[in-house]
Amino acid sequence: MDIELRPLRLAEILDRIFQLYRARFVLFLGIAAVSTTVELVWNLINLAQVRWSAASHLSMASKQLISGGSMVVGWAFVFAAAALCLAASNRAISAIYDGEPTSVVKAFASLRSNWLRCIWLNTLTFFVAWGSLILVLLGAVLAVVLATRARTLTQASTITFVYGITGLFVLGALPLCIWLTLRYSLAVPACVQEDLTTLRSLKRSVFLARGTQGRILLLLLIVVSAQAMAGIVFVAPVLALFAKARGHT
């Protein structure tokens, strides 16, 4: 595929994406299917764990501990699958640009030397970008826990005030999180294409995203909208069956 590498406008970026996916749809579908299968396997394991926990005679504290640990492991699976899918897609696109033969197996096999770095970089990028909002939400959860243990009206009022002001902190932290996400959105591609270390990948992403953050934001919104529409298409029949079964899972 003869593609000229140069700075592109948003319309040209979208047109280039459609060309790539139309020409190699099976390739990119296969790459996405690998990461989705990993998440599916974990969801099935998690479903079995939830059913076992509900049927067991464990204490509520033990069930909450197991649920919390399962959530952490689930997040690790999600980050790993997303990082490997993104890295493999970049490898495949690079091979297409260079006129080299590629496949799903070759795209993932080319990551064998730095797949752990990609996963770590993707996870680190998320916590750097959204760490402030996570801290605010943890503060809100702590306020709720303390409110349930308050012994006086003054203590309860103070904790309620803290919980209420959390919304203002969320509104303040959200724009910062989005801005940091745009700055570091190219870290994994930079790591894959230029074989950079974690810190250098973050710095390279900041440099590459400079002046293009508006286009990156629009692309992310398009991706989120497409995912939402696809989710509605697949979830709607499930909701219809759920309603027909009158709530029985």
C-alpha atoms as a PDB file:
ATOM      1  CA  MET A   1       0.000   0.000   0.000  1.00  0.00           C
ATOM      2  CA  ASP A   2       1.620   3.257  -1.175  1.00  0.00           C
ATOM      3  CA  ILE A   3       0.995   5.816   1.574  1.00  0.00           C
ATOM      4  CA  GLU A   4       2.719   9.177   1.872  1.00  0.00           C
ATOM      5  CA  LEU A   5       3.869   9.964   5.424  1.00  0.00           C
ATOM      6  CA  ARG A   6       3.221  13.608   6.298  1.00  0.00           C
ATOM      7  CA  PRO A   7       1.200  15.664   8.815  1.00  0.00           C
ATOM      8  CA  LEU A   8      -2.488  15.108   8.148  1.00  0.00           C
ATOM      9  CA  ARG A   9      -5.674  17.038   8.757  1.00  0.00           C
ATOM     10  CA  LEU A  10      -8.472  15.369  10.730  1.00  0.00           C
ATOM     11  CA  ALA A  11     -10.442  14.481   7.577  1.00  0.00           C
ATOM     12  CA  GLU A  12      -7.323  12.944   6.037  1.00  0.00           C
ATOM     13  CA  ILE A  13      -6.627  10.945   9.211  1.00  0.00           C
ATOM     14  CA  LEU A  14     -10.149   9.503   9.172  1.00  0.00           C
ATOM     15  CA  ASP A  15      -9.880   8.732   5.458  1.00  0.00           C
ATOM     16  CA  ARG A  16      -6.519   6.988   6.040  1.00  0.00           C
ATOM     17  CA  ILE A  17      -8.019   4.923   8.881  1.00  0.00           C
ATOM     18  CA  PHE A  18     -10.945   3.815   6.698  1.00  0.00           C
ATOM     19  CA  GLN A  19      -8.548   2.879   3.895  1.00  0.00           C
ATOM     20  CA  LEU A  20      -6.415   0.754   6.197  1.00  0.00           C
ATOM     21  CA  TYR A  21      -9.337  -1.038   7.816  1.00  0.00           C
ATOM     22  CA  ARG A  22     -11.108  -1.612   4.514  1.00  0.00           C
ATOM     23  CA  ALA A  23      -7.952  -3.045   2.915  1.00  0.00           C
ATOM     24  CA  ARG A  24      -6.938  -5.210   5.924  1.00  0.00           C
ATOM     25  CA  PHE A  25     -10.167  -5.678   7.840  1.00  0.00           C
ATOM     26  CA  VAL A  26      -9.537  -9.335   8.722  1.00  0.00           C
ATOM     27  CA  LEU A  27      -6.059  -8.488  10.034  1.00  0.00           C
ATOM     28  CA  PHE A  28      -7.221  -5.769  12.426  1.00  0.00           C
ATOM     29  CA  LEU A  29     -10.303  -7.764  13.410  1.00  0.00           C
ATOM     30  CA  GLY A  30      -8.027 -10.674  14.342  1.00  0.00           C
ATOM     31  CA  ILE A  31      -5.777  -8.426  16.444  1.00  0.00           C
ATOM     32  CA  ALA A  32      -8.792  -7.031  18.276  1.00  0.00           C
ATOM     33  CA  ALA A  33     -10.210 -10.524  18.723  1.00  0.00           C
ATOM     34  CA  VAL A  34      -7.088 -11.684  20.588  1.00  0.00           C
ATOM     35  CA  SER A  35      -7.373  -8.972  23.235  1.00  0.00           C
ATOM     36  CA  THR A  36     -11.140  -9.382  23.432  1.00  0.00           C
ATOM     37  CA  THR A  37     -10.743 -13.125  23.955  1.00  0.00           C
ATOM     38  CA  VAL A  38      -8.363 -12.464  26.859  1.00  0.00           C
ATOM     39  CA  GLU A  39     -10.944 -10.198  28.472  1.00  0.00           C
ATOM     40  CA  LEU A  40     -13.706 -12.744  27.784  1.00  0.00           C
ATOM     41  CA  VAL A  41     -11.753 -15.528  29.495  1.00  0.00           C
ATOM     42  CA  TRP A  42     -11.220 -13.343  32.529  1.00  0.00           C
ATOM     43  CA  ASN A  43     -14.904 -12.360  32.638  1.00  0.00           C
ATOM     44  CA  LEU A  44     -15.901 -16.022  32.619  1.00  0.00           C
ATOM     45  CA  ILE A  45     -13.444 -16.753  35.434  1.00  0.00           C
ATOM     46  CA  ASN A  46     -14.764 -13.766  37.367  1.00  0.00           C
ATOM     47  CA  LEU A  47     -18.368 -14.905  36.831  1.00  0.00           C
ATOM     48  CA  ALA A  48     -17.517 -18.347  38.225  1.00  0.00           C
ATOM     49  CA  GLN A  49     -15.804 -16.712  41.203  1.00  0.00           C
ATOM     50  CA  VAL A  50     -18.840 -14.508  41.910  1.00  0.00           C
ATOM     51  CA  ARG A  51     -21.215 -17.483  41.805  1.00  0.00           C
ATOM     52  CA  TRP A  52     -18.913 -19.498  44.072  1.00  0.00           C
ATOM     53  CA  SER A  53     -18.649 -16.597  46.513  1.00  0.00           C
ATOM     54  CA  ALA A  54     -22.436 -16.172  46.598  1.00  0.00           C
ATOM     55  CA  ALA A  55     -22.984 -19.877  47.251  1.00  0.00           C
ATOM     56  CA  SER A  56     -20.278 -20.155  49.921  1.00  0.00           C
ATOM     57  CA  HIS A  57     -20.674 -19.413  53.625  1.00  0.00           C
ATOM     58  CA  LEU A  58     -17.878 -16.856  53.814  1.00  0.00           C
ATOM     59  CA  SER A  59     -18.210 -13.758  55.957  1.00  0.00           C
ATOM     60  CA  MET A  60     -19.141 -10.454  54.365  1.00  0.00           C
ATOM     61  CA  ALA A  61     -15.618  -9.099  54.969  1.00  0.00           C
ATOM     62  CA  SER A  62     -14.076 -12.102  53.187  1.00  0.00           C
ATOM     63  CA  LYS A  63     -16.431 -11.703  50.243  1.00  0.00           C
ATOM     64  CA  GLN A  64     -15.569  -8.012  49.962  1.00  0.00           C
ATOM     65  CA  LEU A  65     -11.844  -8.830  50.116  1.00  0.00           C
ATOM     66  CA  ILE A  66     -12.205 -11.431  47.366  1.00  0.00           C
ATOM     67  CA  SER A  67     -14.294  -9.047  45.280  1.00  0.00           C
ATOM     68  CA  GLY A  68     -11.715  -6.269  45.676  1.00  0.00           C
ATOM     69  CA  GLY A  69      -8.844  -8.551  44.713  1.00  0.00           C
ATOM     70  CA  SER A  70     -10.801  -9.812  41.725  1.00  0.00           C
ATOM     71  CA  MET A  71     -11.427  -6.235  40.603  1.00  0.00           C
ATOM     72  CA  VAL A  72      -7.697  -5.414  40.741  1.00  0.00           C
ATOM     73  CA  VAL A  73      -6.820  -8.509  38.701  1.00  0.00           C
ATOM     74  CA  GLY A  74      -9.578  -7.641  36.240  1.00  0.00           C
ATOM     75  CA  TRP A  75      -8.150  -4.165  35.728  1.00  0.00           C
ATOM     76  CA  ALA A  76      -4.724  -5.728  35.110  1.00  0.00           C
ATOM     77  CA  PHE A  77      -6.243  -7.961  32.414  1.00  0.00           C
ATOM     78  CA  VAL A  78      -7.956  -4.995  30.771  1.00  0.00           C
ATOM     79  CA  PHE A  79      -4.778  -2.893  30.723  1.00  0.00           C
ATOM     80  CA  ALA A  80      -2.715  -5.793  29.397  1.00  0.00           C
ATOM     81  CA  ALA A  81      -5.192  -6.620  26.630  1.00  0.00           C
ATOM     82  CA  ALA A  82      -5.553  -2.967  25.570  1.00  0.00           C
ATOM     83  CA  ALA A  83      -1.779  -2.406  25.528  1.00  0.00           C
ATOM     84  CA  LEU A  84      -1.039  -5.537  23.485  1.00  0.00           C
ATOM     85  CA  CYS A  85      -3.848  -4.795  21.019  1.00  0.00           C
ATOM     86  CA  LEU A  86      -2.622  -1.223  20.515  1.00  0.00           C
ATOM     87  CA  ALA A  87       1.010  -2.314  20.169  1.00  0.00           C
ATOM     88  CA  ALA A  88       0.185  -5.130  17.729  1.00  0.00           C
ATOM     89  CA  SER A  89      -1.944  -2.776  15.628  1.00  0.00           C
ATOM     90  CA  ASN A  90       0.973  -0.353  15.420  1.00  0.00           C
ATOM     91  CA  ARG A  91       3.300  -3.176  14.367  1.00  0.00           C
ATOM     92  CA  ALA A  92       0.857  -4.239  11.664  1.00  0.00           C
ATOM     93  CA  ILE A  93       0.428  -0.691  10.339  1.00  0.00           C
ATOM     94  CA  SER A  94       4.204  -0.213  10.286  1.00  0.00           C
ATOM     95  CA  ALA A  95       4.608  -3.410   8.261  1.00  0.00           C
ATOM     96  CA  ILE A  96       1.921  -2.240   5.819  1.00  0.00           C
ATOM     97  CA  TYR A  97       3.691   1.105   5.360  1.00  0.00           C
ATOM     98  CA  ASP A  98       7.004  -0.685   4.726  1.00  0.00           C
ATOM     99  CA  GLY A  99       5.409  -3.073   2.237  1.00  0.00           C
ATOM    100  CA  GLU A 100       6.248  -6.120   4.363  1.00  0.00           C
ATOM    101  CA  PRO A 101       3.963  -9.156   4.783  1.00  0.00           C
ATOM    102  CA  THR A 102       2.173  -9.239   8.100  1.00  0.00           C
ATOM    103  CA  SER A 103      -0.462 -11.224   9.956  1.00  0.00           C
ATOM    104  CA  VAL A 104      -2.049 -11.426  13.397  1.00  0.00           C
ATOM    105  CA  VAL A 105       0.606 -13.896  14.553  1.00  0.00           C
ATOM    106  CA  LYS A 106       3.471 -11.805  13.173  1.00  0.00           C
ATOM    107  CA  ALA A 107       2.082  -8.618  14.717  1.00  0.00           C
ATOM    108  CA  PHE A 108       1.987 -10.145  18.205  1.00  0.00           C
ATOM    109  CA  ALA A 109       5.210 -12.114  17.726  1.00  0.00           C
ATOM    110  CA  SER A 110       7.089  -8.889  17.023  1.00  0.00           C
ATOM    111  CA  LEU A 111       6.228  -7.740  20.570  1.00  0.00           C
ATOM    112  CA  ARG A 112       7.932 -10.627  22.345  1.00  0.00           C
ATOM    113  CA  SER A 113      10.923  -8.486  23.337  1.00  0.00           C
ATOM    114  CA  ASN A 114       8.985  -5.589  24.884  1.00  0.00           C
ATOM    115  CA  TRP A 115       5.405  -6.702  25.574  1.00  0.00           C
ATOM    116  CA  LEU A 116       5.886  -6.303  29.328  1.00  0.00           C
ATOM    117  CA  ARG A 117       7.129  -2.773  28.771  1.00  0.00           C
ATOM    118  CA  CYS A 118       4.023  -1.960  26.705  1.00  0.00           C
ATOM    119  CA  ILE A 119       1.714  -3.270  29.425  1.00  0.00           C
ATOM    120  CA  TRP A 120       3.577  -1.378  32.149  1.00  0.00           C
ATOM    121  CA  LEU A 121       3.621   1.805  30.058  1.00  0.00           C
ATOM    122  CA  ASN A 122      -0.113   1.615  29.349  1.00  0.00           C
ATOM    123  CA  THR A 123      -0.877   1.076  33.038  1.00  0.00           C
ATOM    124  CA  LEU A 124       1.463   3.856  34.150  1.00  0.00           C
ATOM    125  CA  THR A 125       0.005   6.260  31.596  1.00  0.00           C
ATOM    126  CA  PHE A 126      -3.498   5.657  32.930  1.00  0.00           C
ATOM    127  CA  PHE A 127      -2.559   6.306  36.555  1.00  0.00           C
ATOM    128  CA  VAL A 128      -0.493   9.377  35.680  1.00  0.00           C
ATOM    129  CA  ALA A 129      -3.374  10.834  33.657  1.00  0.00           C
ATOM    130  CA  TRP A 130      -6.250   9.850  35.963  1.00  0.00           C
ATOM    131  CA  GLY A 131      -4.466   9.668  39.319  1.00  0.00           C
ATOM    132  CA  SER A 132      -5.909  12.950  40.593  1.00  0.00           C
ATOM    133  CA  LEU A 133      -9.483  11.838  39.903  1.00  0.00           C
ATOM    134  CA  ILE A 134      -8.828   8.451  41.525  1.00  0.00           C
ATOM    135  CA  LEU A 135      -7.581  10.191  44.672  1.00  0.00           C
ATOM    136  CA  VAL A 136     -10.691  12.379  44.765  1.00  0.00           C
ATOM    137  CA  LEU A 137     -12.988   9.357  44.421  1.00  0.00           C
ATOM    138  CA  LEU A 138     -11.064   7.478  47.111  1.00  0.00           C
ATOM    139  CA  GLY A 139     -11.573  10.499  49.367  1.00  0.00           C
ATOM    140  CA  ALA A 140     -15.313  10.353  48.676  1.00  0.00           C
ATOM    141  CA  VAL A 141     -15.436   6.651  49.539  1.00  0.00           C
ATOM    142  CA  LEU A 142     -13.518   7.315  52.761  1.00  0.00           C
ATOM    143  CA  ALA A 143     -15.951  10.096  53.646  1.00  0.00           C
ATOM    144  CA  VAL A 144     -18.880   7.703  53.207  1.00  0.00           C
ATOM    145  CA  VAL A 145     -17.214   5.100  55.424  1.00  0.00           C
ATOM    146  CA  LEU A 146     -16.524   7.691  58.119  1.00  0.00           C
ATOM    147  CA  ALA A 147     -20.068   9.047  57.860  1.00  0.00           C
ATOM    148  CA  THR A 148     -21.486   5.633  58.739  1.00  0.00           C
ATOM    149  CA  ARG A 149     -19.372   5.647  61.903  1.00  0.00           C
ATOM    150  CA  ALA A 150     -20.017   9.242  62.989  1.00  0.00           C
ATOM    151  CA  ARG A 151     -21.229   9.519  66.594  1.00  0.00           C
ATOM    152  CA  THR A 152     -22.242  13.186  66.732  1.00  0.00           C
ATOM    153  CA  LEU A 153     -24.217  15.488  64.491  1.00  0.00           C
ATOM    154  CA  THR A 154     -21.186  17.781  64.062  1.00  0.00           C
ATOM    155  CA  GLN A 155     -19.021  14.947  62.820  1.00  0.00           C
ATOM    156  CA  ALA A 156     -21.735  13.789  60.432  1.00  0.00           C
ATOM    157  CA  SER A 157     -22.229  17.337  59.093  1.00  0.00           C
ATOM    158  CA  THR A 158     -18.488  17.813  58.547  1.00  0.00           C
ATOM    159  CA  ILE A 159     -18.153  14.529  56.693  1.00  0.00           C
ATOM    160  CA  THR A 160     -21.227  15.290  54.603  1.00  0.00           C
ATOM    161  CA  PHE A 161     -19.700  18.650  53.668  1.00  0.00           C
ATOM    162  CA  VAL A 162     -16.477  16.905  52.618  1.00  0.00           C
ATOM    163  CA  TYR A 163     -18.443  14.434  50.558  1.00  0.00           C
ATOM    164  CA  GLY A 164     -20.456  17.206  48.922  1.00  0.00           C
ATOM    165  CA  ILE A 165     -17.394  19.242  47.969  1.00  0.00           C
ATOM    166  CA  THR A 166     -15.937  16.162  46.313  1.00  0.00           C
ATOM    167  CA  GLY A 167     -18.129  16.924  43.294  1.00  0.00           C
ATOM    168  CA  LEU A 168     -16.351  20.260  42.857  1.00  0.00           C
ATOM    169  CA  PHE A 169     -12.974  18.532  42.993  1.00  0.00           C
ATOM    170  CA  VAL A 170     -14.172  16.043  40.357  1.00  0.00           C
ATOM    171  CA  LEU A 171     -15.161  18.908  38.058  1.00  0.00           C
ATOM    172  CA  GLY A 172     -11.722  20.423  38.579  1.00  0.00           C
ATOM    173  CA  ALA A 173      -9.794  17.176  38.142  1.00  0.00           C
ATOM    174  CA  LEU A 174     -11.634  15.952  35.034  1.00  0.00           C
ATOM    175  CA  PRO A 175     -10.238  18.550  32.578  1.00  0.00           C
ATOM    176  CA  LEU A 176      -6.738  17.909  33.929  1.00  0.00           C
ATOM    177  CA  CYS A 177      -7.167  14.152  33.436  1.00  0.00           C
ATOM    178  CA  ILE A 178      -8.367  14.590  29.857  1.00  0.00           C
ATOM    179  CA  TRP A 179      -5.477  16.934  29.075  1.00  0.00           C
ATOM    180  CA  LEU A 180      -2.927  14.488  30.485  1.00  0.00           C
ATOM    181  CA  THR A 181      -4.563  11.649  28.550  1.00  0.00           C
ATOM    182  CA  LEU A 182      -4.086  13.560  25.310  1.00  0.00           C
ATOM    183  CA  ARG A 183      -0.463  14.363  26.163  1.00  0.00           C
ATOM    184  CA  TYR A 184       0.431  10.727  26.826  1.00  0.00           C
ATOM    185  CA  SER A 185      -1.878   9.065  24.285  1.00  0.00           C
ATOM    186  CA  LEU A 186       1.035   8.353  21.917  1.00  0.00           C
ATOM    187  CA  ALA A 187       3.328   6.795  24.521  1.00  0.00           C
ATOM    188  CA  VAL A 188       2.665   3.160  23.566  1.00  0.00           C
ATOM    189  CA  PRO A 189       3.002   3.793  19.794  1.00  0.00           C
ATOM    190  CA  ALA A 190       6.261   5.673  20.450  1.00  0.00           C
ATOM    191  CA  CYS A 191       7.542   2.783  22.564  1.00  0.00           C
ATOM    192  CA  VAL A 192       6.666   0.242  19.860  1.00  0.00           C
ATOM    193  CA  GLN A 193       7.873   2.141  16.820  1.00  0.00           C
ATOM    194  CA  GLU A 194      11.045   3.667  18.277  1.00  0.00           C
ATOM    195  CA  ASP A 195      11.863   1.012  20.930  1.00  0.00           C
ATOM    196  CA  LEU A 196      12.055   3.609  23.722  1.00  0.00           C
ATOM    197  CA  THR A 197      12.161   3.157  27.469  1.00  0.00           C
ATOM    198  CA  THR A 198       9.130   3.986  29.596  1.00  0.00           C
ATOM    199  CA  LEU A 199      10.212   7.500  30.574  1.00  0.00           C
ATOM    200  CA  ARG A 200      11.446   8.368  27.080  1.00  0.00           C
ATOM    201  CA  SER A 201       8.168   7.105  25.606  1.00  0.00           C
ATOM    202  CA  LEU A 202       6.205   9.472  27.841  1.00  0.00           C
ATOM    203  CA  LYS A 203       8.449  12.391  26.868  1.00  0.00           C
ATOM    204  CA  ARG A 204       8.204  11.453  23.199  1.00  0.00           C
ATOM    205  CA  SER A 205       4.414  11.358  23.432  1.00  0.00           C
ATOM    206  CA  VAL A 206       4.335  14.867  24.875  1.00  0.00           C
ATOM    207  CA  PHE A 207       6.457  16.075  21.946  1.00  0.00           C
ATOM    208  CA  LEU A 208       4.423  14.260  19.274  1.00  0.00           C
ATOM    209  CA  ALA A 209       1.057  15.359  20.712  1.00  0.00           C
ATOM    210  CA  ARG A 210       2.059  19.015  20.826  1.00  0.00           C
ATOM    211  CA  GLY A 211      -0.246  21.003  18.568  1.00  0.00           C
ATOM    212  CA  THR A 212      -2.393  17.981  17.692  1.00  0.00           C
ATOM    213  CA  GLN A 213      -4.298  17.461  20.944  1.00  0.00           C
ATOM    214  CA  GLY A 214      -7.534  18.783  19.442  1.00  0.00           C
ATOM    215  CA  ARG A 215      -7.408  16.197  16.656  1.00  0.00           C
ATOM    216  CA  ILE A 216      -6.533  13.448  19.135  1.00  0.00           C
ATOM    217  CA  LEU A 217      -9.507  14.442  21.305  1.00  0.00           C
ATOM    218  CA  LEU A 218     -11.886  14.320  18.328  1.00  0.00           C
ATOM    219  CA  LEU A 219     -10.537  10.899  17.322  1.00  0.00           C
ATOM    220  CA  LEU A 220     -11.033   9.594  20.862  1.00  0.00           C
ATOM    221  CA  LEU A 221     -14.600  10.918  20.883  1.00  0.00           C
ATOM    222  CA  ILE A 222     -15.270   9.185  17.561  1.00  0.00           C
ATOM    223  CA  VAL A 223     -13.871   5.904  18.913  1.00  0.00           C
ATOM    224  CA  VAL A 224     -15.927   6.162  22.128  1.00  0.00           C
ATOM    225  CA  SER A 225     -19.070   6.956  20.119  1.00  0.00           C
ATOM    226  CA  ALA A 226     -18.482   3.985  17.804  1.00  0.00           C
ATOM    227  CA  GLN A 227     -17.934   1.676  20.764  1.00  0.00           C
ATOM    228  CA  ALA A 228     -21.105   2.971  22.430  1.00  0.00           C
ATOM    229  CA  MET A 229     -23.178   2.378  19.293  1.00  0.00           C
ATOM    230  CA  ALA A 230     -21.734  -1.126  18.863  1.00  0.00           C
ATOM    231  CA  GLY A 231     -22.448  -1.827  22.514  1.00  0.00           C
ATOM    232  CA  ILE A 232     -26.064  -0.738  22.136  1.00  0.00           C
ATOM    233  CA  VAL A 233     -26.509  -3.005  19.115  1.00  0.00           C
ATOM    234  CA  PHE A 234     -25.212  -6.057  20.977  1.00  0.00           C
ATOM    235  CA  VAL A 235     -26.692  -5.289  24.395  1.00  0.00           C
ATOM    236  CA  ALA A 236     -30.208  -4.429  23.226  1.00  0.00           C
ATOM    237  CA  PRO A 237     -31.187  -8.075  22.438  1.00  0.00           C
ATOM    238  CA  VAL A 238     -29.776  -9.168  25.802  1.00  0.00           C
ATOM    239  CA  LEU A 239     -31.867  -6.553  27.607  1.00  0.00           C
ATOM    240  CA  ALA A 240     -34.927  -7.697  25.651  1.00  0.00           C
ATOM    241  CA  LEU A 241     -34.349 -11.301  26.725  1.00  0.00           C
ATOM    242  CA  PHE A 242     -33.771 -10.146  30.300  1.00  0.00           C
ATOM    243  CA  ALA A 243     -37.078  -8.268  30.305  1.00  0.00           C
ATOM    244  CA  LYS A 244     -38.868 -11.241  28.761  1.00  0.00           C
ATOM    245  CA  ALA A 245     -37.477 -13.498  31.502  1.00  0.00           C
ATOM    246  CA  ARG A 246     -38.837 -11.052  34.106  1.00  0.00           C
ATOM    247  CA  GLY A 247     -35.466 -10.434  35.681  1.00  0.00           C
ATOM    248  CA  HIS A 248     -34.318 -14.039  36.028  1.00  0.00           C
ATOM    249  CA  THR A 249     -30.607 -14.160  35.204  1.00  0.00           C
END
